[in-house]
N, C-alpha and C. Protein backbone atom coordinates (compact mmCIF):
# COMPACT_ATOMS: atom_id res chain seq x y z
N MET A 1 107.69 119.94 79.35
CA MET A 1 108.72 119.44 80.09
C MET A 1 108.41 118.20 80.69
N LEU A 2 107.44 117.91 81.10
CA LEU A 2 106.86 116.59 81.92
C LEU A 2 106.96 115.51 80.92
N ARG A 3 106.33 115.77 79.67
CA ARG A 3 106.53 114.91 78.75
C ARG A 3 107.78 114.25 78.38
N LEU A 4 109.01 115.36 78.49
CA LEU A 4 110.25 114.95 78.04
C LEU A 4 110.95 114.17 79.29
N ALA A 5 110.50 114.55 80.64
CA ALA A 5 110.99 113.86 81.64
C ALA A 5 110.52 112.41 81.66
N GLY A 6 109.13 112.31 81.24
CA GLY A 6 108.74 110.80 81.12
C GLY A 6 109.26 110.13 80.13
N THR A 7 109.50 110.68 79.03
CA THR A 7 110.33 109.88 77.97
C THR A 7 111.58 109.60 78.37
N ALA A 8 112.25 110.46 79.16
CA ALA A 8 113.63 110.22 79.59
C ALA A 8 113.51 108.85 80.58
N TYR A 9 112.62 108.93 81.37
CA TYR A 9 112.50 107.90 82.24
C TYR A 9 112.09 106.55 81.66
N VAL A 10 111.32 106.40 80.71
CA VAL A 10 110.96 105.14 80.00
C VAL A 10 112.15 104.59 79.30
N LEU A 11 112.95 105.53 78.48
CA LEU A 11 114.02 105.28 77.97
C LEU A 11 114.99 104.59 78.70
N TRP A 12 115.00 105.24 79.91
CA TRP A 12 116.32 104.80 81.00
C TRP A 12 115.74 103.40 81.63
N LEU A 13 114.50 103.25 81.65
CA LEU A 13 113.88 101.76 82.03
C LEU A 13 114.27 100.82 81.14
N ALA A 14 114.07 101.17 79.65
CA ALA A 14 114.34 100.24 78.66
C ALA A 14 115.74 100.00 78.74
N TRP A 15 116.71 100.86 78.70
CA TRP A 15 118.11 100.66 78.87
C TRP A 15 118.49 99.71 79.90
N GLY A 16 117.82 99.87 80.84
CA GLY A 16 118.18 98.97 82.37
C GLY A 16 117.81 97.48 81.82
N PHE A 17 116.71 97.23 81.08
CA PHE A 17 116.02 95.97 80.79
C PHE A 17 117.13 95.13 79.83
N LEU A 18 117.50 96.28 78.83
CA LEU A 18 118.48 95.72 77.72
C LEU A 18 119.62 95.17 78.33
N ARG A 19 120.25 96.02 79.44
CA ARG A 19 121.42 95.73 79.93
C ARG A 19 121.43 94.52 80.85
N ALA A 20 120.42 94.31 81.57
CA ALA A 20 120.14 93.14 82.32
C ALA A 20 120.25 91.80 81.42
N GLY A 21 119.46 92.02 80.46
CA GLY A 21 119.77 90.78 79.51
C GLY A 21 121.06 90.50 78.84
N LEU A 22 121.99 91.58 78.73
CA LEU A 22 123.30 91.40 77.96
C LEU A 22 124.14 90.67 79.24
N ASN A 23 124.09 90.86 80.54
CA ASN A 23 125.02 90.37 81.46
C ASN A 23 125.44 88.99 81.41
N GLY A 24 124.53 88.02 80.81
CA GLY A 24 124.74 86.67 80.40
C GLY A 24 124.48 85.88 81.78
N ASP A 25 123.89 86.58 82.68
CA ASP A 25 123.60 85.91 83.99
C ASP A 25 122.09 84.87 83.75
N SER A 26 122.38 83.65 83.74
CA SER A 26 121.29 82.77 83.36
C SER A 26 120.67 82.16 84.47
N ALA A 27 120.82 82.90 85.69
CA ALA A 27 120.15 82.41 87.14
C ALA A 27 118.78 82.77 86.79
N THR A 28 118.00 81.67 87.74
CA THR A 28 116.67 81.91 87.42
C THR A 28 116.13 82.79 88.44
N PRO A 29 115.39 83.83 88.11
CA PRO A 29 114.97 84.89 88.90
C PRO A 29 113.90 84.43 90.05
N GLU A 30 114.08 84.99 91.42
CA GLU A 30 113.22 84.44 92.34
C GLU A 30 111.80 85.17 92.06
N PRO A 31 110.61 84.30 92.47
CA PRO A 31 109.41 85.19 92.50
C PRO A 31 109.28 86.08 93.18
N VAL A 32 108.55 87.17 93.01
CA VAL A 32 108.49 88.27 94.01
C VAL A 32 107.47 88.21 95.05
N GLY A 33 106.50 87.58 94.82
CA GLY A 33 105.66 87.15 96.03
C GLY A 33 104.71 88.35 96.16
N ILE A 34 103.78 88.13 97.30
CA ILE A 34 102.64 88.98 97.53
C ILE A 34 103.13 90.45 98.04
N THR A 35 104.12 90.24 98.74
CA THR A 35 104.42 91.48 99.69
C THR A 35 105.20 92.35 98.42
N GLY A 36 106.20 91.66 97.77
CA GLY A 36 106.85 92.55 97.00
C GLY A 36 106.01 93.21 95.85
N GLY A 37 105.02 92.21 95.36
CA GLY A 37 104.05 92.92 94.22
C GLY A 37 103.38 93.86 94.79
N GLY A 38 102.81 93.85 95.89
CA GLY A 38 102.11 94.86 96.57
C GLY A 38 102.90 96.18 96.43
N LEU A 39 104.27 96.11 96.98
CA LEU A 39 105.06 97.30 96.81
C LEU A 39 105.33 97.71 95.58
N ILE A 40 105.62 96.95 94.72
CA ILE A 40 105.73 97.38 93.27
C ILE A 40 104.43 97.96 92.79
N PHE A 41 103.40 97.49 93.09
CA PHE A 41 102.16 98.17 92.78
C PHE A 41 102.11 99.61 93.37
N LEU A 42 101.95 99.53 94.49
CA LEU A 42 101.90 101.13 95.24
C LEU A 42 103.03 101.74 94.84
N LEU A 43 104.34 101.46 94.46
CA LEU A 43 105.47 102.52 94.32
C LEU A 43 105.58 102.70 92.52
N ASN A 44 104.65 102.02 92.01
CA ASN A 44 104.72 102.08 90.20
C ASN A 44 104.38 103.70 90.02
N PRO A 45 105.37 104.33 89.40
CA PRO A 45 105.15 105.74 89.35
C PRO A 45 104.28 106.15 88.21
N LYS A 46 104.03 104.95 87.07
CA LYS A 46 103.18 105.08 85.99
C LYS A 46 101.74 105.29 86.44
N ALA A 47 101.32 104.39 87.70
CA ALA A 47 100.02 104.39 87.94
C ALA A 47 99.45 105.67 88.32
N TYR A 48 99.96 106.60 89.21
CA TYR A 48 99.18 107.84 89.56
C TYR A 48 99.02 108.77 88.50
N PRO A 49 99.89 108.92 87.46
CA PRO A 49 99.66 109.72 86.28
C PRO A 49 98.54 109.26 85.42
N ILE A 50 98.39 107.78 85.44
CA ILE A 50 97.27 107.16 84.67
C ILE A 50 96.02 107.50 85.32
N ILE A 51 95.95 107.42 86.58
CA ILE A 51 94.65 107.74 87.17
C ILE A 51 94.19 109.06 86.89
N MET A 52 95.27 110.14 87.16
CA MET A 52 94.84 111.54 86.85
C MET A 52 94.39 111.86 85.56
N MET A 53 95.19 110.90 84.42
CA MET A 53 94.54 111.35 83.28
C MET A 53 93.17 110.54 82.97
N MET A 54 92.79 109.47 83.54
CA MET A 54 91.47 108.93 83.43
C MET A 54 90.63 109.99 83.85
N PHE A 55 90.71 110.64 85.00
CA PHE A 55 89.66 111.38 85.51
C PHE A 55 89.57 112.55 84.80
N SER A 56 90.62 112.84 83.96
CA SER A 56 90.62 114.32 83.05
C SER A 56 89.70 113.87 81.87
N GLN A 57 89.55 112.75 81.41
CA GLN A 57 88.85 112.38 80.20
C GLN A 57 87.49 112.59 80.28
N PHE A 58 86.87 112.44 81.72
CA PHE A 58 85.67 112.44 81.72
C PHE A 58 85.35 113.75 82.71
N HIS A 59 83.97 114.16 82.64
CA HIS A 59 83.40 115.23 83.46
C HIS A 59 82.94 114.57 84.63
N VAL A 60 83.23 114.52 85.50
CA VAL A 60 82.92 114.18 86.67
C VAL A 60 82.00 114.94 87.43
N GLN A 61 81.00 114.90 87.65
CA GLN A 61 79.84 115.96 88.20
C GLN A 61 79.46 115.58 89.67
N THR A 62 79.26 114.19 90.03
CA THR A 62 79.23 113.69 91.19
C THR A 62 80.04 112.63 91.68
N SER A 63 79.97 112.31 92.91
CA SER A 63 80.87 111.43 93.51
C SER A 63 80.50 109.78 93.01
N ALA A 64 79.17 109.89 92.73
CA ALA A 64 78.62 108.60 92.15
C ALA A 64 79.24 108.23 90.91
N THR A 65 79.61 109.14 90.10
CA THR A 65 80.26 109.13 88.70
C THR A 65 81.79 108.77 88.97
N ALA A 66 82.33 109.25 89.85
CA ALA A 66 83.90 108.97 90.18
C ALA A 66 83.94 107.68 90.35
N LEU A 67 82.87 107.18 91.53
CA LEU A 67 82.87 105.76 92.12
C LEU A 67 82.66 104.80 90.82
N THR A 68 81.85 105.16 90.03
CA THR A 68 81.55 104.19 88.94
C THR A 68 82.82 104.20 88.05
N ILE A 69 83.26 105.14 87.65
CA ILE A 69 84.45 105.14 86.80
C ILE A 69 85.60 104.41 87.53
N SER A 70 85.73 104.79 88.68
CA SER A 70 87.06 103.99 89.51
C SER A 70 86.65 102.56 89.58
N LEU A 71 85.48 101.98 89.81
CA LEU A 71 85.14 100.55 89.75
C LEU A 71 85.38 99.97 88.60
N ILE A 72 84.86 100.48 87.27
CA ILE A 72 85.23 100.20 86.03
C ILE A 72 86.73 99.84 85.71
N PHE A 73 87.29 100.78 85.98
CA PHE A 73 89.17 100.76 85.76
C PHE A 73 89.75 99.67 86.81
N THR A 74 89.14 99.70 88.04
CA THR A 74 89.66 98.68 88.90
C THR A 74 89.17 97.30 88.65
N ALA A 75 88.30 96.97 88.10
CA ALA A 75 87.73 95.76 87.69
C ALA A 75 88.39 95.25 86.30
N ASN A 76 88.85 96.44 85.48
CA ASN A 76 89.59 96.00 84.32
C ASN A 76 91.00 95.60 84.80
N ASN A 77 91.65 96.30 85.79
CA ASN A 77 92.94 96.20 86.16
C ASN A 77 93.12 94.63 87.13
N LEU A 78 91.94 94.32 87.75
CA LEU A 78 91.82 93.15 88.31
C LEU A 78 91.95 91.89 87.32
N VAL A 79 91.06 92.15 86.06
CA VAL A 79 91.38 91.12 85.24
C VAL A 79 92.82 91.02 84.47
N ALA A 80 93.22 92.08 84.37
CA ALA A 80 94.63 92.21 83.58
C ALA A 80 95.67 91.60 84.61
N PHE A 81 95.69 92.05 85.72
CA PHE A 81 96.65 91.53 86.76
C PHE A 81 96.45 89.96 87.12
N LEU A 82 95.12 89.40 87.08
CA LEU A 82 95.03 88.00 87.27
C LEU A 82 95.56 87.38 86.18
N ALA A 83 95.27 87.74 84.85
CA ALA A 83 95.79 87.20 83.63
C ALA A 83 97.38 87.12 83.73
N TYR A 84 98.11 88.07 84.36
CA TYR A 84 99.57 88.22 84.10
C TYR A 84 99.78 87.02 85.34
N THR A 85 99.12 87.16 86.31
CA THR A 85 99.70 86.37 87.46
C THR A 85 99.63 84.91 87.07
N LEU A 86 98.32 84.52 86.54
CA LEU A 86 97.98 83.21 86.10
C LEU A 86 99.06 82.71 84.85
N ALA A 87 99.35 83.58 83.88
CA ALA A 87 100.49 83.42 82.98
C ALA A 87 101.82 83.12 83.48
N GLY A 88 102.11 83.71 84.71
CA GLY A 88 103.40 83.75 85.21
C GLY A 88 103.67 82.78 86.17
N THR A 89 102.72 82.14 86.52
CA THR A 89 102.78 80.81 87.46
C THR A 89 102.89 79.43 86.82
N GLY A 90 103.82 78.71 87.31
CA GLY A 90 103.68 77.36 86.79
C GLY A 90 104.81 76.86 86.52
């Protein structure tokens, strides 16, 4: 059931993106900024299931293991977000 709900949500997002491009509105979008970006990051519904799945893949026995996994994934996200940010500025 959760898989179907997730699929429906992603398809709904895709439909919204397609419709937004079809409106013919050629206005330049405003940059989101640091506050808007932070809110998008915190309210991103995909982030929390990804975190849960990340920890379900590993047998976490100690808090040090959990901290190590968290730091590795955080560093990975930092690199990815910086790349997206630098590619989008300009």
